[in-house]
Amino acid sequence: MYSSDSQSTDFLKIKHAIRHFNTPEGSVVKALDDINLSIGRNEFITLLGPSGCGKTTLLNIIAGFERLDSGKILLDNDSLLEQPPHHRPVNTVFQSYALFPHLSVGDNVGYGLDVAGVAKKERNQRVSAALDMVGLSGVEKRRPSQLSGGQQQRVALARAIVNRPKILLLDEPLSALDKNLRMKMQLELKNLQSELGICFIFVTHDQE
């Protein structure tokens, strides 16, 4: 992935980001080659490109799952690189959804709040609000296996937004859905982002 400087903002800045990987054959793959990108506080940004061009690598670096070889990532002018993943105000929705099959929908959504020690009353209120926001009120007691693929994707979204992140990263979250549902969820994602007023960074290879 290569990018030139874009208009400066005060929120998320990626400066001269470089990440290379060594292959078993002894060659070097340039996943990120001097990336410079500025993203506004309430922007919806799409990273579009073919598989292997570095989109997910950049997402993983923002989330803290990968390291940079060189460069900076600043959030409100503070470096993210020194913060461990669980301290970053960032949540990720993965392609696989990664729901816990043995937990109910409500417990899946509230898992992060439980780990953070949020009081039960506030936790339940925030879980209900998050499920309502994604159109899944009333399914708290169901298991993921009792939901459709589109509903599971919404649960993953609710779990990501319930912690009130400043940035939501979406790594090909619609690729497993059929075309009609994928188009519907694209519109719902835009509406959700507008309602939340936070930064969405969406990775896809789908030009539509």
N, C-alpha and C. Protein backbone atom coordinates (compact mmCIF):
# COMPACT_ATOMS: atom_id res chain seq x y z
N MET A 1 0.85 -1.19 0.00
CA MET A 1 0.00 0.00 0.00
C MET A 1 0.89 1.24 0.00
N TYR A 2 0.54 2.21 -0.83
CA TYR A 2 1.27 3.47 -0.88
C TYR A 2 0.27 4.61 -0.87
N SER A 3 0.59 5.64 -0.11
CA SER A 3 -0.30 6.81 -0.07
C SER A 3 0.54 8.06 0.02
N SER A 4 0.04 9.14 -0.57
CA SER A 4 0.69 10.43 -0.44
C SER A 4 0.03 11.22 0.67
N ASP A 5 0.62 12.34 1.05
CA ASP A 5 0.07 13.17 2.11
C ASP A 5 -1.33 13.63 1.75
N SER A 6 -2.22 13.60 2.74
CA SER A 6 -3.56 14.13 2.54
C SER A 6 -3.75 15.30 3.49
N GLN A 7 -4.91 15.94 3.37
CA GLN A 7 -5.15 17.15 4.15
C GLN A 7 -5.02 16.88 5.64
N SER A 8 -4.32 17.73 6.34
CA SER A 8 -4.07 17.53 7.76
C SER A 8 -5.34 17.70 8.57
N THR A 9 -5.48 16.86 9.60
CA THR A 9 -6.57 16.98 10.56
C THR A 9 -5.97 16.87 11.95
N ASP A 10 -6.82 17.01 12.94
CA ASP A 10 -6.36 16.97 14.32
C ASP A 10 -6.55 15.61 14.98
N PHE A 11 -7.06 14.61 14.22
CA PHE A 11 -7.43 13.36 14.89
C PHE A 11 -6.40 12.26 14.70
N LEU A 12 -6.55 11.42 13.68
CA LEU A 12 -5.63 10.30 13.48
C LEU A 12 -4.66 10.63 12.35
N LYS A 13 -3.36 10.58 12.66
CA LYS A 13 -2.34 10.87 11.66
C LYS A 13 -1.38 9.70 11.57
N ILE A 14 -1.14 9.26 10.36
CA ILE A 14 -0.16 8.22 10.08
C ILE A 14 0.95 8.85 9.27
N LYS A 15 2.17 8.80 9.81
CA LYS A 15 3.29 9.51 9.19
C LYS A 15 4.42 8.56 8.83
N HIS A 16 4.72 8.50 7.55
CA HIS A 16 5.87 7.74 7.03
C HIS A 16 5.90 6.32 7.58
N ALA A 17 4.75 5.66 7.55
CA ALA A 17 4.65 4.31 8.09
C ALA A 17 5.26 3.29 7.13
N ILE A 18 6.17 2.49 7.67
CA ILE A 18 6.84 1.46 6.89
C ILE A 18 6.75 0.13 7.64
N ARG A 19 6.33 -0.91 6.92
CA ARG A 19 6.31 -2.26 7.49
C ARG A 19 6.67 -3.24 6.40
N HIS A 20 7.78 -3.96 6.62
CA HIS A 20 8.26 -4.96 5.69
C HIS A 20 8.21 -6.34 6.35
N PHE A 21 8.01 -7.36 5.55
CA PHE A 21 8.01 -8.73 6.05
C PHE A 21 9.03 -9.55 5.26
N ASN A 22 9.76 -10.39 5.96
CA ASN A 22 10.68 -11.32 5.31
C ASN A 22 9.94 -12.61 4.95
N THR A 23 10.11 -13.09 3.74
CA THR A 23 9.46 -14.32 3.31
C THR A 23 10.38 -15.51 3.56
N PRO A 24 9.83 -16.74 3.61
CA PRO A 24 10.68 -17.93 3.80
C PRO A 24 11.70 -18.11 2.68
N GLU A 25 11.40 -17.52 1.50
CA GLU A 25 12.33 -17.65 0.37
C GLU A 25 13.48 -16.66 0.45
N GLY A 26 13.47 -15.78 1.44
CA GLY A 26 14.56 -14.84 1.61
C GLY A 26 14.33 -13.47 1.01
N SER A 27 13.16 -13.25 0.41
CA SER A 27 12.85 -11.94 -0.15
C SER A 27 12.13 -11.08 0.89
N VAL A 28 11.87 -9.82 0.52
CA VAL A 28 11.21 -8.88 1.43
C VAL A 28 9.93 -8.37 0.76
N VAL A 29 8.82 -8.42 1.51
CA VAL A 29 7.55 -7.90 1.03
C VAL A 29 7.29 -6.55 1.71
N LYS A 30 7.05 -5.52 0.92
CA LYS A 30 6.76 -4.20 1.45
C LYS A 30 5.25 -4.05 1.62
N ALA A 31 4.76 -4.29 2.84
CA ALA A 31 3.33 -4.19 3.10
C ALA A 31 2.90 -2.73 3.17
N LEU A 32 3.69 -1.90 3.84
CA LEU A 32 3.43 -0.46 3.93
C LEU A 32 4.70 0.25 3.50
N ASP A 33 4.58 1.12 2.51
CA ASP A 33 5.77 1.76 1.94
C ASP A 33 5.61 3.28 2.04
N ASP A 34 5.99 3.83 3.18
CA ASP A 34 5.96 5.28 3.42
C ASP A 34 4.54 5.84 3.32
N ILE A 35 3.66 5.32 4.16
CA ILE A 35 2.25 5.74 4.19
C ILE A 35 2.11 7.04 4.97
N ASN A 36 1.43 8.01 4.38
CA ASN A 36 1.07 9.25 5.06
C ASN A 36 -0.43 9.47 4.88
N LEU A 37 -1.15 9.55 5.99
CA LEU A 37 -2.60 9.62 5.92
C LEU A 37 -3.12 10.39 7.13
N SER A 38 -4.07 11.30 6.89
CA SER A 38 -4.71 12.03 7.97
C SER A 38 -6.22 11.78 7.89
N ILE A 39 -6.82 11.45 9.03
CA ILE A 39 -8.23 11.08 9.08
C ILE A 39 -8.94 11.95 10.11
N GLY A 40 -10.09 12.48 9.73
CA GLY A 40 -10.86 13.34 10.62
C GLY A 40 -11.57 12.58 11.72
N ARG A 41 -11.99 13.28 12.74
CA ARG A 41 -12.58 12.67 13.93
C ARG A 41 -13.85 11.88 13.61
N ASN A 42 -14.66 12.36 12.69
CA ASN A 42 -15.94 11.71 12.40
C ASN A 42 -16.00 11.19 10.97
N GLU A 43 -14.87 10.89 10.38
CA GLU A 43 -14.83 10.44 8.99
C GLU A 43 -15.07 8.94 8.85
N PHE A 44 -15.63 8.56 7.70
CA PHE A 44 -15.75 7.16 7.29
C PHE A 44 -14.78 6.98 6.14
N ILE A 45 -13.69 6.26 6.38
CA ILE A 45 -12.63 6.06 5.40
C ILE A 45 -12.63 4.61 4.92
N THR A 46 -12.56 4.42 3.62
CA THR A 46 -12.45 3.07 3.05
C THR A 46 -11.06 2.86 2.48
N LEU A 47 -10.43 1.77 2.88
CA LEU A 47 -9.16 1.35 2.30
C LEU A 47 -9.48 0.25 1.29
N LEU A 48 -9.38 0.59 0.01
CA LEU A 48 -9.78 -0.31 -1.07
C LEU A 48 -8.54 -0.80 -1.82
N GLY A 49 -8.47 -2.09 -2.02
CA GLY A 49 -7.36 -2.64 -2.78
C GLY A 49 -7.41 -4.15 -2.79
N PRO A 50 -6.62 -4.80 -3.64
CA PRO A 50 -6.62 -6.26 -3.74
C PRO A 50 -6.00 -6.91 -2.50
N SER A 51 -6.27 -8.19 -2.34
CA SER A 51 -5.69 -8.94 -1.24
C SER A 51 -4.16 -8.85 -1.29
N GLY A 52 -3.55 -8.65 -0.12
CA GLY A 52 -2.09 -8.61 -0.04
C GLY A 52 -1.47 -7.26 -0.25
N CYS A 53 -2.29 -6.18 -0.36
CA CYS A 53 -1.71 -4.86 -0.64
C CYS A 53 -1.39 -4.08 0.64
N GLY A 54 -1.72 -4.62 1.82
CA GLY A 54 -1.33 -3.97 3.08
C GLY A 54 -2.47 -3.36 3.87
N LYS A 55 -3.70 -3.51 3.41
CA LYS A 55 -4.84 -2.88 4.10
C LYS A 55 -4.99 -3.40 5.53
N THR A 56 -5.03 -4.71 5.68
CA THR A 56 -5.21 -5.30 7.01
C THR A 56 -3.98 -5.05 7.89
N THR A 57 -2.81 -5.03 7.29
CA THR A 57 -1.60 -4.71 8.06
C THR A 57 -1.72 -3.34 8.71
N LEU A 58 -2.21 -2.35 7.95
CA LEU A 58 -2.37 -1.01 8.51
C LEU A 58 -3.39 -1.02 9.63
N LEU A 59 -4.51 -1.73 9.45
CA LEU A 59 -5.51 -1.84 10.51
C LEU A 59 -4.92 -2.47 11.77
N ASN A 60 -4.15 -3.54 11.58
CA ASN A 60 -3.56 -4.23 12.73
C ASN A 60 -2.56 -3.36 13.47
N ILE A 61 -1.86 -2.49 12.75
CA ILE A 61 -0.91 -1.59 13.39
C ILE A 61 -1.64 -0.52 14.19
N ILE A 62 -2.74 0.01 13.64
CA ILE A 62 -3.54 0.98 14.38
C ILE A 62 -4.10 0.34 15.65
N ALA A 63 -4.55 -0.92 15.55
CA ALA A 63 -5.12 -1.62 16.70
C ALA A 63 -4.05 -2.05 17.70
N GLY A 64 -2.80 -2.15 17.25
CA GLY A 64 -1.73 -2.57 18.15
C GLY A 64 -1.36 -4.03 18.02
N PHE A 65 -1.90 -4.73 17.02
CA PHE A 65 -1.60 -6.15 16.84
C PHE A 65 -0.34 -6.39 16.02
N GLU A 66 0.11 -5.35 15.31
CA GLU A 66 1.35 -5.40 14.53
C GLU A 66 2.19 -4.19 14.89
N ARG A 67 3.48 -4.26 14.64
CA ARG A 67 4.38 -3.15 14.91
C ARG A 67 4.80 -2.49 13.60
N LEU A 68 5.23 -1.26 13.69
CA LEU A 68 5.83 -0.56 12.57
C LEU A 68 7.34 -0.76 12.57
N ASP A 69 7.94 -0.84 11.39
CA ASP A 69 9.40 -0.82 11.30
C ASP A 69 9.90 0.61 11.53
N SER A 70 9.16 1.57 11.00
CA SER A 70 9.46 2.98 11.26
C SER A 70 8.22 3.80 10.94
N GLY A 71 8.18 5.00 11.49
CA GLY A 71 7.04 5.88 11.27
C GLY A 71 6.31 6.19 12.56
N LYS A 72 5.23 6.95 12.45
CA LYS A 72 4.46 7.37 13.61
C LYS A 72 2.97 7.19 13.36
N ILE A 73 2.23 6.92 14.45
CA ILE A 73 0.77 6.96 14.43
C ILE A 73 0.33 7.80 15.61
N LEU A 74 -0.34 8.91 15.32
CA LEU A 74 -0.73 9.86 16.35
C LEU A 74 -2.24 9.95 16.44
N LEU A 75 -2.77 9.92 17.65
CA LEU A 75 -4.19 10.12 17.90
C LEU A 75 -4.32 11.35 18.79
N ASP A 76 -4.95 12.39 18.26
CA ASP A 76 -5.01 13.67 18.96
C ASP A 76 -3.60 14.13 19.36
N ASN A 77 -2.65 13.91 18.44
CA ASN A 77 -1.24 14.32 18.59
C ASN A 77 -0.48 13.53 19.65
N ASP A 78 -1.09 12.48 20.21
CA ASP A 78 -0.38 11.59 21.13
C ASP A 78 -0.06 10.28 20.40
N SER A 79 1.14 9.75 20.62
CA SER A 79 1.55 8.53 19.94
C SER A 79 0.74 7.33 20.42
N LEU A 80 0.25 6.54 19.46
CA LEU A 80 -0.43 5.29 19.80
C LEU A 80 0.56 4.14 19.97
N LEU A 81 1.74 4.26 19.43
CA LEU A 81 2.65 3.13 19.32
C LEU A 81 3.14 2.63 20.68
N GLU A 82 3.15 3.52 21.68
CA GLU A 82 3.60 3.10 23.00
C GLU A 82 2.49 2.47 23.84
N GLN A 83 1.25 2.52 23.33
CA GLN A 83 0.12 1.99 24.10
C GLN A 83 -0.17 0.55 23.69
N PRO A 84 -0.36 -0.36 24.67
CA PRO A 84 -0.74 -1.74 24.32
C PRO A 84 -2.15 -1.76 23.72
N PRO A 85 -2.49 -2.80 22.99
CA PRO A 85 -3.79 -2.84 22.31
C PRO A 85 -4.98 -2.60 23.23
N HIS A 86 -4.96 -3.15 24.45
CA HIS A 86 -6.13 -3.04 25.32
C HIS A 86 -6.27 -1.66 25.94
N HIS A 87 -5.28 -0.80 25.76
CA HIS A 87 -5.38 0.58 26.25
C HIS A 87 -5.71 1.57 25.14
N ARG A 88 -5.77 1.12 23.91
CA ARG A 88 -6.07 2.02 22.80
C ARG A 88 -7.59 2.19 22.65
N PRO A 89 -8.07 3.39 22.36
CA PRO A 89 -9.52 3.63 22.21
C PRO A 89 -10.01 3.18 20.83
N VAL A 90 -9.69 1.91 20.53
CA VAL A 90 -9.92 1.35 19.19
C VAL A 90 -10.56 -0.02 19.35
N ASN A 91 -11.58 -0.32 18.56
CA ASN A 91 -12.15 -1.67 18.50
C ASN A 91 -12.19 -2.13 17.06
N THR A 92 -12.14 -3.46 16.89
CA THR A 92 -12.08 -4.04 15.55
C THR A 92 -13.22 -5.02 15.34
N VAL A 93 -13.84 -4.94 14.16
CA VAL A 93 -14.81 -5.95 13.72
C VAL A 93 -14.13 -6.79 12.64
N PHE A 94 -13.94 -8.07 12.93
CA PHE A 94 -13.19 -8.94 12.03
C PHE A 94 -14.12 -9.62 11.02
N GLN A 95 -13.52 -10.15 9.98
CA GLN A 95 -14.27 -10.85 8.95
C GLN A 95 -15.03 -12.05 9.53
N SER A 96 -14.43 -12.73 10.51
CA SER A 96 -15.02 -13.95 11.06
C SER A 96 -16.03 -13.68 12.18
N TYR A 97 -16.18 -12.42 12.58
CA TYR A 97 -17.06 -11.99 13.68
C TYR A 97 -16.51 -12.38 15.05
N ALA A 98 -15.92 -13.60 15.19
CA ALA A 98 -15.27 -14.03 16.43
C ALA A 98 -16.19 -13.94 17.64
N LEU A 99 -17.43 -14.39 17.48
CA LEU A 99 -18.36 -14.44 18.61
C LEU A 99 -18.09 -15.69 19.45
N PHE A 100 -18.38 -15.60 20.74
CA PHE A 100 -18.23 -16.74 21.63
C PHE A 100 -19.48 -17.62 21.52
N PRO A 101 -19.36 -18.84 21.00
CA PRO A 101 -20.56 -19.66 20.75
C PRO A 101 -21.29 -20.08 22.03
N HIS A 102 -20.57 -20.16 23.16
CA HIS A 102 -21.18 -20.63 24.40
C HIS A 102 -21.85 -19.51 25.20
N LEU A 103 -21.71 -18.27 24.73
CA LEU A 103 -22.31 -17.13 25.41
C LEU A 103 -23.55 -16.65 24.66
N SER A 104 -24.49 -16.08 25.39
CA SER A 104 -25.65 -15.48 24.76
C SER A 104 -25.24 -14.23 23.99
N VAL A 105 -26.16 -13.72 23.18
CA VAL A 105 -25.90 -12.48 22.45
C VAL A 105 -25.58 -11.35 23.42
N GLY A 106 -26.38 -11.23 24.48
CA GLY A 106 -26.15 -10.17 25.46
C GLY A 106 -24.80 -10.28 26.12
N ASP A 107 -24.38 -11.50 26.45
CA ASP A 107 -23.08 -11.69 27.10
C ASP A 107 -21.93 -11.48 26.12
N ASN A 108 -22.15 -11.80 24.84
CA ASN A 108 -21.14 -11.49 23.83
C ASN A 108 -20.92 -9.99 23.73
N VAL A 109 -22.02 -9.25 23.65
CA VAL A 109 -21.91 -7.80 23.51
C VAL A 109 -21.31 -7.18 24.77
N GLY A 110 -21.69 -7.70 25.93
CA GLY A 110 -21.23 -7.11 27.19
C GLY A 110 -19.90 -7.62 27.69
N TYR A 111 -19.24 -8.50 26.93
CA TYR A 111 -18.01 -9.12 27.41
C TYR A 111 -16.94 -8.09 27.78
N GLY A 112 -16.72 -7.13 26.89
CA GLY A 112 -15.70 -6.12 27.16
C GLY A 112 -16.03 -5.27 28.38
N LEU A 113 -17.32 -5.01 28.59
CA LEU A 113 -17.74 -4.25 29.77
C LEU A 113 -17.51 -5.06 31.04
N ASP A 114 -17.74 -6.37 30.96
CA ASP A 114 -17.49 -7.24 32.11
C ASP A 114 -16.01 -7.24 32.48
N VAL A 115 -15.17 -7.33 31.46
CA VAL A 115 -13.72 -7.33 31.71
C VAL A 115 -13.29 -6.00 32.32
N ALA A 116 -13.93 -4.91 31.89
CA ALA A 116 -13.59 -3.58 32.41
C ALA A 116 -14.19 -3.30 33.79
N GLY A 117 -15.04 -4.21 34.28
CA GLY A 117 -15.61 -4.05 35.61
C GLY A 117 -16.73 -3.03 35.69
N VAL A 118 -17.43 -2.82 34.57
CA VAL A 118 -18.55 -1.87 34.57
C VAL A 118 -19.68 -2.44 35.42
N ALA A 119 -20.30 -1.59 36.22
CA ALA A 119 -21.39 -2.01 37.09
C ALA A 119 -22.51 -2.67 36.29
N LYS A 120 -23.19 -3.66 36.90
CA LYS A 120 -24.16 -4.48 36.18
C LYS A 120 -25.28 -3.64 35.57
N LYS A 121 -25.81 -2.67 36.31
CA LYS A 121 -26.92 -1.87 35.79
C LYS A 121 -26.49 -1.08 34.56
N GLU A 122 -25.33 -0.41 34.64
CA GLU A 122 -24.84 0.35 33.48
C GLU A 122 -24.50 -0.59 32.34
N ARG A 123 -23.92 -1.72 32.68
CA ARG A 123 -23.55 -2.71 31.65
C ARG A 123 -24.77 -3.15 30.86
N ASN A 124 -25.85 -3.50 31.56
CA ASN A 124 -27.06 -3.96 30.89
C ASN A 124 -27.70 -2.86 30.05
N GLN A 125 -27.65 -1.63 30.54
CA GLN A 125 -28.20 -0.51 29.79
C GLN A 125 -27.42 -0.28 28.51
N ARG A 126 -26.10 -0.35 28.59
CA ARG A 126 -25.27 -0.13 27.42
C ARG A 126 -25.40 -1.27 26.40
N VAL A 127 -25.54 -2.50 26.89
CA VAL A 127 -25.75 -3.64 25.99
C VAL A 127 -27.07 -3.48 25.25
N SER A 128 -28.13 -3.12 25.97
CA SER A 128 -29.44 -2.94 25.34
C SER A 128 -29.41 -1.82 24.31
N ALA A 129 -28.72 -0.73 24.64
CA ALA A 129 -28.63 0.41 23.72
C ALA A 129 -27.85 0.04 22.47
N ALA A 130 -26.76 -0.73 22.63
CA ALA A 130 -25.96 -1.13 21.48
C ALA A 130 -26.74 -2.07 20.56
N LEU A 131 -27.47 -3.01 21.14
CA LEU A 131 -28.27 -3.92 20.33
C LEU A 131 -29.41 -3.19 19.64
N ASP A 132 -30.00 -2.23 20.32
CA ASP A 132 -31.05 -1.43 19.70
C ASP A 132 -30.50 -0.63 18.52
N MET A 133 -29.27 -0.15 18.66
CA MET A 133 -28.67 0.66 17.61
C MET A 133 -28.44 -0.14 16.34
N VAL A 134 -28.17 -1.44 16.48
CA VAL A 134 -27.95 -2.28 15.30
C VAL A 134 -29.20 -3.07 14.92
N GLY A 135 -30.34 -2.74 15.54
CA GLY A 135 -31.61 -3.36 15.15
C GLY A 135 -31.81 -4.76 15.66
N LEU A 136 -31.26 -5.08 16.85
CA LEU A 136 -31.38 -6.44 17.39
C LEU A 136 -31.96 -6.45 18.80
N SER A 137 -32.83 -5.52 19.11
CA SER A 137 -33.46 -5.53 20.43
C SER A 137 -34.27 -6.81 20.61
N GLY A 138 -34.18 -7.37 21.81
CA GLY A 138 -34.99 -8.54 22.14
C GLY A 138 -34.35 -9.88 21.87
N VAL A 139 -33.09 -9.91 21.40
CA VAL A 139 -32.44 -11.20 21.12
C VAL A 139 -31.30 -11.48 22.10
N GLU A 140 -31.28 -10.76 23.22
CA GLU A 140 -30.16 -10.88 24.16
C GLU A 140 -29.90 -12.31 24.62
N LYS A 141 -30.95 -13.12 24.74
CA LYS A 141 -30.79 -14.46 25.32
C LYS A 141 -30.48 -15.53 24.28
N ARG A 142 -30.50 -15.18 23.02
CA ARG A 142 -30.18 -16.17 21.98
C ARG A 142 -28.68 -16.44 21.94
N ARG A 143 -28.33 -17.58 21.37
CA ARG A 143 -26.93 -17.91 21.11
C ARG A 143 -26.60 -17.52 19.66
N PRO A 144 -25.33 -17.26 19.36
CA PRO A 144 -24.95 -16.90 17.98
C PRO A 144 -25.44 -17.90 16.94
N SER A 145 -25.46 -19.19 17.29
CA SER A 145 -25.89 -20.21 16.32
C SER A 145 -27.36 -20.10 15.96
N GLN A 146 -28.12 -19.36 16.75
CA GLN A 146 -29.55 -19.16 16.49
C GLN A 146 -29.82 -17.92 15.65
N LEU A 147 -28.77 -17.30 15.15
CA LEU A 147 -28.89 -16.07 14.35
C LEU A 147 -28.42 -16.32 12.93
N SER A 148 -28.90 -15.49 12.02
CA SER A 148 -28.42 -15.53 10.63
C SER A 148 -27.04 -14.89 10.55
N GLY A 149 -26.40 -15.03 9.40
CA GLY A 149 -25.08 -14.42 9.22
C GLY A 149 -25.12 -12.91 9.38
N GLY A 150 -26.16 -12.29 8.81
CA GLY A 150 -26.29 -10.85 8.95
C GLY A 150 -26.51 -10.41 10.37
N GLN A 151 -27.28 -11.19 11.14
CA GLN A 151 -27.51 -10.87 12.54
C GLN A 151 -26.24 -11.05 13.36
N GLN A 152 -25.46 -12.08 13.07
CA GLN A 152 -24.19 -12.27 13.77
C GLN A 152 -23.25 -11.10 13.52
N GLN A 153 -23.27 -10.59 12.27
CA GLN A 153 -22.44 -9.44 11.96
C GLN A 153 -22.86 -8.23 12.77
N ARG A 154 -24.16 -8.08 12.99
CA ARG A 154 -24.66 -6.96 13.79
C ARG A 154 -24.26 -7.11 15.25
N VAL A 155 -24.26 -8.35 15.75
CA VAL A 155 -23.81 -8.59 17.12
C VAL A 155 -22.36 -8.18 17.27
N ALA A 156 -21.53 -8.54 16.28
CA ALA A 156 -20.12 -8.15 16.32
C ALA A 156 -19.98 -6.64 16.32
N LEU A 157 -20.81 -5.95 15.56
CA LEU A 157 -20.79 -4.49 15.56
C LEU A 157 -21.20 -3.93 16.92
N ALA A 158 -22.27 -4.50 17.49
CA ALA A 158 -22.73 -4.02 18.80
C ALA A 158 -21.64 -4.22 19.85
N ARG A 159 -20.97 -5.35 19.81
CA ARG A 159 -19.89 -5.62 20.77
C ARG A 159 -18.75 -4.62 20.61
N ALA A 160 -18.51 -4.20 19.36
CA ALA A 160 -17.42 -3.26 19.12
C ALA A 160 -17.77 -1.84 19.56
N ILE A 161 -19.03 -1.45 19.43
CA ILE A 161 -19.39 -0.06 19.75
C ILE A 161 -19.79 0.13 21.20
N VAL A 162 -20.07 -0.97 21.92
CA VAL A 162 -20.57 -0.82 23.29
C VAL A 162 -19.52 -0.21 24.21
N ASN A 163 -18.25 -0.38 23.86
CA ASN A 163 -17.16 0.18 24.67
C ASN A 163 -16.86 1.63 24.33
N ARG A 164 -17.63 2.18 23.38
CA ARG A 164 -17.51 3.59 22.99
C ARG A 164 -16.08 3.95 22.54
N PRO A 165 -15.60 3.27 21.51
CA PRO A 165 -14.26 3.58 21.01
C PRO A 165 -14.25 4.90 20.25
N LYS A 166 -13.07 5.46 20.09
CA LYS A 166 -12.92 6.64 19.25
C LYS A 166 -12.76 6.27 17.79
N ILE A 167 -12.25 5.03 17.56
CA ILE A 167 -12.04 4.55 16.19
C ILE A 167 -12.60 3.13 16.10
N LEU A 168 -13.37 2.87 15.05
CA LEU A 168 -13.84 1.52 14.78
C LEU A 168 -13.19 1.03 13.49
N LEU A 169 -12.48 -0.10 13.59
CA LEU A 169 -11.81 -0.70 12.46
C LEU A 169 -12.65 -1.87 11.96
N LEU A 170 -12.90 -1.92 10.66
CA LEU A 170 -13.73 -2.97 10.08
C LEU A 170 -12.95 -3.68 8.99
N ASP A 171 -12.57 -4.94 9.27
CA ASP A 171 -11.71 -5.70 8.36
C ASP A 171 -12.53 -6.68 7.55
N GLU A 172 -12.96 -6.27 6.35
CA GLU A 172 -13.77 -7.10 5.45
C GLU A 172 -14.96 -7.74 6.18
N PRO A 173 -15.72 -6.98 6.97
CA PRO A 173 -16.76 -7.61 7.80
C PRO A 173 -17.98 -8.08 7.02
N LEU A 174 -18.10 -7.71 5.74
CA LEU A 174 -19.28 -8.06 4.96
C LEU A 174 -19.00 -9.12 3.92
N SER A 175 -17.78 -9.59 3.84
CA SER A 175 -17.39 -10.45 2.72
C SER A 175 -18.10 -11.80 2.73
N ALA A 176 -18.55 -12.26 3.92
CA ALA A 176 -19.21 -13.57 3.99
C ALA A 176 -20.71 -13.49 3.70
N LEU A 177 -21.23 -12.29 3.49
CA LEU A 177 -22.66 -12.11 3.26
C LEU A 177 -22.98 -12.16 1.77
N ASP A 178 -24.23 -12.52 1.45
CA ASP A 178 -24.63 -12.51 0.05
C ASP A 178 -24.76 -11.06 -0.42
N LYS A 179 -24.86 -10.88 -1.75
CA LYS A 179 -24.76 -9.54 -2.33
C LYS A 179 -25.83 -8.60 -1.81
N ASN A 180 -27.09 -9.05 -1.76
CA ASN A 180 -28.17 -8.17 -1.32
C ASN A 180 -27.99 -7.74 0.13
N LEU A 181 -27.63 -8.70 0.99
CA LEU A 181 -27.43 -8.37 2.40
C LEU A 181 -26.21 -7.49 2.58
N ARG A 182 -25.18 -7.74 1.76
CA ARG A 182 -23.96 -6.93 1.84
C ARG A 182 -24.26 -5.47 1.50
N MET A 183 -25.07 -5.25 0.47
CA MET A 183 -25.42 -3.89 0.09
C MET A 183 -26.27 -3.21 1.18
N LYS A 184 -27.18 -3.97 1.77
CA LYS A 184 -28.01 -3.44 2.85
C LYS A 184 -27.15 -3.05 4.05
N MET A 185 -26.20 -3.92 4.40
CA MET A 185 -25.35 -3.65 5.57
C MET A 185 -24.40 -2.48 5.30
N GLN A 186 -24.00 -2.27 4.05
CA GLN A 186 -23.16 -1.11 3.74
C GLN A 186 -23.90 0.19 4.08
N LEU A 187 -25.17 0.26 3.72
CA LEU A 187 -25.97 1.44 4.04
C LEU A 187 -26.16 1.58 5.54
N GLU A 188 -26.39 0.44 6.22
CA GLU A 188 -26.59 0.50 7.67
C GLU A 188 -25.32 0.93 8.39
N LEU A 189 -24.17 0.51 7.86
CA LEU A 189 -22.90 0.94 8.46
C LEU A 189 -22.74 2.45 8.34
N LYS A 190 -23.07 3.00 7.18
CA LYS A 190 -22.98 4.45 7.00
C LYS A 190 -23.91 5.18 7.97
N ASN A 191 -25.13 4.66 8.11
CA ASN A 191 -26.08 5.29 9.04
C ASN A 191 -25.60 5.18 10.48
N LEU A 192 -25.03 4.02 10.84
CA LEU A 192 -24.53 3.82 12.19
C LEU A 192 -23.38 4.77 12.48
N GLN A 193 -22.49 4.92 11.52
CA GLN A 193 -21.35 5.83 11.71
C GLN A 193 -21.83 7.25 11.89
N SER A 194 -22.82 7.65 11.12
CA SER A 194 -23.36 9.00 11.25
C SER A 194 -24.00 9.21 12.61
N GLU A 195 -24.69 8.17 13.10
CA GLU A 195 -25.35 8.27 14.41
C GLU A 195 -24.34 8.32 15.55
N LEU A 196 -23.29 7.51 15.45
CA LEU A 196 -22.29 7.46 16.51
C LEU A 196 -21.36 8.67 16.48
N GLY A 197 -21.07 9.16 15.27
CA GLY A 197 -20.18 10.31 15.15
C GLY A 197 -18.74 9.99 15.49
N ILE A 198 -18.30 8.74 15.20
CA ILE A 198 -16.91 8.37 15.45
C ILE A 198 -16.25 7.99 14.13
N CYS A 199 -14.95 7.77 14.18
CA CYS A 199 -14.18 7.45 12.99
C CYS A 199 -14.32 5.97 12.64
N PHE A 200 -14.71 5.68 11.41
CA PHE A 200 -14.76 4.31 10.89
C PHE A 200 -13.66 4.17 9.83
N ILE A 201 -12.87 3.10 9.93
CA ILE A 201 -11.90 2.76 8.90
C ILE A 201 -12.25 1.37 8.39
N PHE A 202 -12.69 1.32 7.14
CA PHE A 202 -13.30 0.13 6.56
C PHE A 202 -12.38 -0.44 5.48
N VAL A 203 -12.00 -1.71 5.64
CA VAL A 203 -11.12 -2.38 4.68
C VAL A 203 -11.95 -3.29 3.78
N THR A 204 -11.73 -3.20 2.46
CA THR A 204 -12.42 -4.06 1.52
C THR A 204 -11.64 -4.18 0.22
N HIS A 205 -11.88 -5.28 -0.50
CA HIS A 205 -11.37 -5.41 -1.86
C HIS A 205 -12.51 -5.30 -2.86
N ASP A 206 -13.73 -5.10 -2.36
CA ASP A 206 -14.93 -5.04 -3.19
C ASP A 206 -15.13 -3.62 -3.73
N GLN A 207 -14.96 -3.45 -5.04
CA GLN A 207 -15.05 -2.11 -5.62
C GLN A 207 -16.45 -1.54 -5.56
N GLU A 208 -17.48 -2.37 -5.39
CA GLU A 208 -18.84 -1.86 -5.26
C GLU A 208 -19.04 -1.13 -3.94
